[in-house]
């Protein structure tokens, strides 16, 4: 009877140690999950900011392309002035 009691007490000690180890592991895993959730939030925020920046840059590119087209037209118009003046002067 005493041997059985000692055996059960030994098993109880082993189970309690295992339980304590599992609790520690649970705390570690929960902290890791919190860290990953925090990192995920940071990545999502960075992604959202990058998307906003991309959209703003695309809008700026559209404006710059329009400006370039207008400047090209103006340059072509200015470039044809000397030819027009030459033609007027030559045939007058």
C-alpha atoms as a PDB file:
ATOM      1  CA  UNK A   1       0.000   0.000   0.000  1.00  0.00           C
ATOM      2  CA  UNK A   2       2.819   2.399   0.947  1.00  0.00           C
ATOM      3  CA  UNK A   3       4.653   1.564  -2.293  1.00  0.00           C
ATOM      4  CA  UNK A   4       1.534   2.300  -4.331  1.00  0.00           C
ATOM      5  CA  UNK A   5       1.114   5.623  -2.509  1.00  0.00           C
ATOM      6  CA  UNK A   6       4.752   6.538  -3.213  1.00  0.00           C
ATOM      7  CA  UNK A   7       4.305   5.564  -6.856  1.00  0.00           C
ATOM      8  CA  UNK A   8       1.199   7.735  -7.201  1.00  0.00           C
ATOM      9  CA  UNK A   9       2.959  10.635  -5.482  1.00  0.00           C
ATOM     10  CA  UNK A  10       5.821  10.279  -7.971  1.00  0.00           C
ATOM     11  CA  UNK A  11       3.380  10.267 -10.888  1.00  0.00           C
ATOM     12  CA  UNK A  12       1.601  13.286  -9.415  1.00  0.00           C
ATOM     13  CA  UNK A  13       4.930  15.141  -9.224  1.00  0.00           C
ATOM     14  CA  UNK A  14       5.720  14.246 -12.836  1.00  0.00           C
ATOM     15  CA  UNK A  15       2.278  15.367 -13.990  1.00  0.00           C
ATOM     16  CA  UNK A  16       2.613  18.651 -12.089  1.00  0.00           C
ATOM     17  CA  UNK A  17       6.040  19.270 -13.645  1.00  0.00           C
ATOM     18  CA  UNK A  18       4.637  18.538 -17.085  1.00  0.00           C
ATOM     19  CA  UNK A  19       1.695  20.849 -16.365  1.00  0.00           C
ATOM     20  CA  UNK A  20       4.076  23.631 -15.280  1.00  0.00           C
ATOM     21  CA  UNK A  21       6.141  23.119 -18.429  1.00  0.00           C
ATOM     22  CA  UNK A  22       3.032  23.258 -20.597  1.00  0.00           C
ATOM     23  CA  UNK A  23       1.920  26.481 -18.868  1.00  0.00           C
ATOM     24  CA  UNK A  24       5.326  28.037 -19.592  1.00  0.00           C
ATOM     25  CA  UNK A  25       5.094  26.906 -23.206  1.00  0.00           C
ATOM     26  CA  UNK A  26       1.579  28.358 -23.449  1.00  0.00           C
ATOM     27  CA  UNK A  27       2.789  31.721 -22.106  1.00  0.00           C
ATOM     28  CA  UNK A  28       5.684  31.699 -24.595  1.00  0.00           C
ATOM     29  CA  UNK A  29       3.406  30.833 -27.515  1.00  0.00           C
ATOM     30  CA  UNK A  30       0.856  33.478 -26.504  1.00  0.00           C
ATOM     31  CA  UNK A  31       3.622  36.107 -26.339  1.00  0.00           C
ATOM     32  CA  UNK A  32       4.904  35.003 -29.723  1.00  0.00           C
ATOM     33  CA  UNK A  33       1.371  35.343 -31.105  1.00  0.00           C
ATOM     34  CA  UNK A  34       1.109  38.876 -29.674  1.00  0.00           C
ATOM     35  CA  UNK A  35       4.467  39.756 -31.223  1.00  0.00           C
ATOM     36  CA  UNK A  36       3.387  38.376 -34.598  1.00  0.00           C
ATOM     37  CA  UNK A  37       0.053  40.206 -34.429  1.00  0.00           C
ATOM     38  CA  UNK A  38       1.920  43.433 -33.692  1.00  0.00           C
ATOM     39  CA  UNK A  39       4.321  42.806 -36.571  1.00  0.00           C
ATOM     40  CA  UNK A  40       1.382  42.017 -38.851  1.00  0.00           C
ATOM     41  CA  UNK A  41      -0.276  45.317 -37.928  1.00  0.00           C
ATOM     42  CA  UNK A  42       2.934  47.156 -38.747  1.00  0.00           C
ATOM     43  CA  UNK A  43       3.234  45.419 -42.102  1.00  0.00           C
ATOM     44  CA  UNK A  44      -0.406  46.194 -42.943  1.00  0.00           C
ATOM     45  CA  UNK A  45       0.108  49.854 -42.052  1.00  0.00           C
ATOM     46  CA  UNK A  46       3.260  50.009 -44.176  1.00  0.00           C
ATOM     47  CA  UNK A  47       1.405  48.368 -47.059  1.00  0.00           C
ATOM     48  CA  UNK A  48      -1.438  50.889 -46.805  1.00  0.00           C
ATOM     49  CA  UNK A  49       1.018  53.806 -46.791  1.00  0.00           C
ATOM     50  CA  UNK A  50       2.870  52.316 -49.765  1.00  0.00           C
ATOM     51  CA  UNK A  51      -0.412  51.944 -51.644  1.00  0.00           C
ATOM     52  CA  UNK A  52      -1.316  55.575 -50.950  1.00  0.00           C
ATOM     53  CA  UNK A  53       2.123  56.675 -52.124  1.00  0.00           C
ATOM     54  CA  UNK A  54       1.803  54.564 -55.279  1.00  0.00           C
ATOM     55  CA  UNK A  55      -1.584  56.114 -56.086  1.00  0.00           C
ATOM     56  CA  UNK A  56      -0.232  59.631 -55.499  1.00  0.00           C
ATOM     57  CA  UNK A  57       2.769  58.932 -57.741  1.00  0.00           C
ATOM     58  CA  UNK A  58       0.534  57.543 -60.483  1.00  0.00           C
ATOM     59  CA  UNK A  59      -1.550  60.743 -60.330  1.00  0.00           C
ATOM     60  CA  UNK A  60       1.628  62.835 -60.532  1.00  0.00           C
ATOM     61  CA  UNK A  61       2.798  60.843 -63.559  1.00  0.00           C
ATOM     62  CA  UNK A  62      -0.466  61.612 -65.354  1.00  0.00           C
ATOM     63  CA  UNK A  63      -0.036  65.340 -64.653  1.00  0.00           C
ATOM     64  CA  UNK A  64       3.620  65.275 -65.715  1.00  0.00           C
ATOM     65  CA  UNK A  65       2.767  63.485 -68.963  1.00  0.00           C
ATOM     66  CA  UNK A  66       0.152  66.160 -69.742  1.00  0.00           C
ATOM     67  CA  UNK A  67       2.681  68.899 -68.965  1.00  0.00           C
ATOM     68  CA  UNK A  68       5.253  67.217 -71.196  1.00  0.00           C
ATOM     69  CA  UNK A  69       2.747  66.979 -74.050  1.00  0.00           C
ATOM     70  CA  UNK A  70       1.895  70.683 -73.710  1.00  0.00           C
ATOM     71  CA  UNK A  71       5.580  71.649 -73.608  1.00  0.00           C
ATOM     72  CA  UNK A  72       6.278  69.523 -76.660  1.00  0.00           C
ATOM     73  CA  UNK A  73       3.484  71.299 -78.533  1.00  0.00           C
ATOM     74  CA  UNK A  74       4.856  74.684 -77.482  1.00  0.00           C
ATOM     75  CA  UNK A  75       8.370  73.681 -78.502  1.00  0.00           C
ATOM     76  CA  UNK A  76       7.141  72.504 -81.886  1.00  0.00           C
ATOM     77  CA  UNK A  77       5.257  75.791 -82.334  1.00  0.00           C
ATOM     78  CA  UNK A  78       8.351  77.837 -81.406  1.00  0.00           C
ATOM     79  CA  UNK A  79      10.516  75.698 -83.648  1.00  0.00           C
ATOM     80  CA  UNK A  80       8.353  76.462 -86.664  1.00  0.00           C
ATOM     81  CA  UNK A  81       8.547  80.260 -86.177  1.00  0.00           C
ATOM     82  CA  UNK A  82      12.005  80.714 -87.752  1.00  0.00           C
ATOM     83  CA  UNK A  83      10.914  78.701 -90.808  1.00  0.00           C
ATOM     84  CA  UNK A  84       7.763  80.782 -91.112  1.00  0.00           C
ATOM     85  CA  UNK A  85       9.729  84.038 -90.799  1.00  0.00           C
ATOM     86  CA  UNK A  86      12.271  82.813 -93.346  1.00  0.00           C
ATOM     87  CA  UNK A  87       9.495  81.921 -95.762  1.00  0.00           C
ATOM     88  CA  UNK A  88       7.785  85.292 -95.332  1.00  0.00           C
ATOM     89  CA  UNK A  89      11.043  87.229 -95.743  1.00  0.00           C
ATOM     90  CA  UNK A  90      12.242  85.160 -98.709  1.00  0.00           C
ATOM     91  CA  UNK A  91       9.079  85.560-100.747  1.00  0.00           C
ATOM     92  CA  UNK A  92       8.388  89.197 -99.924  1.00  0.00           C
END
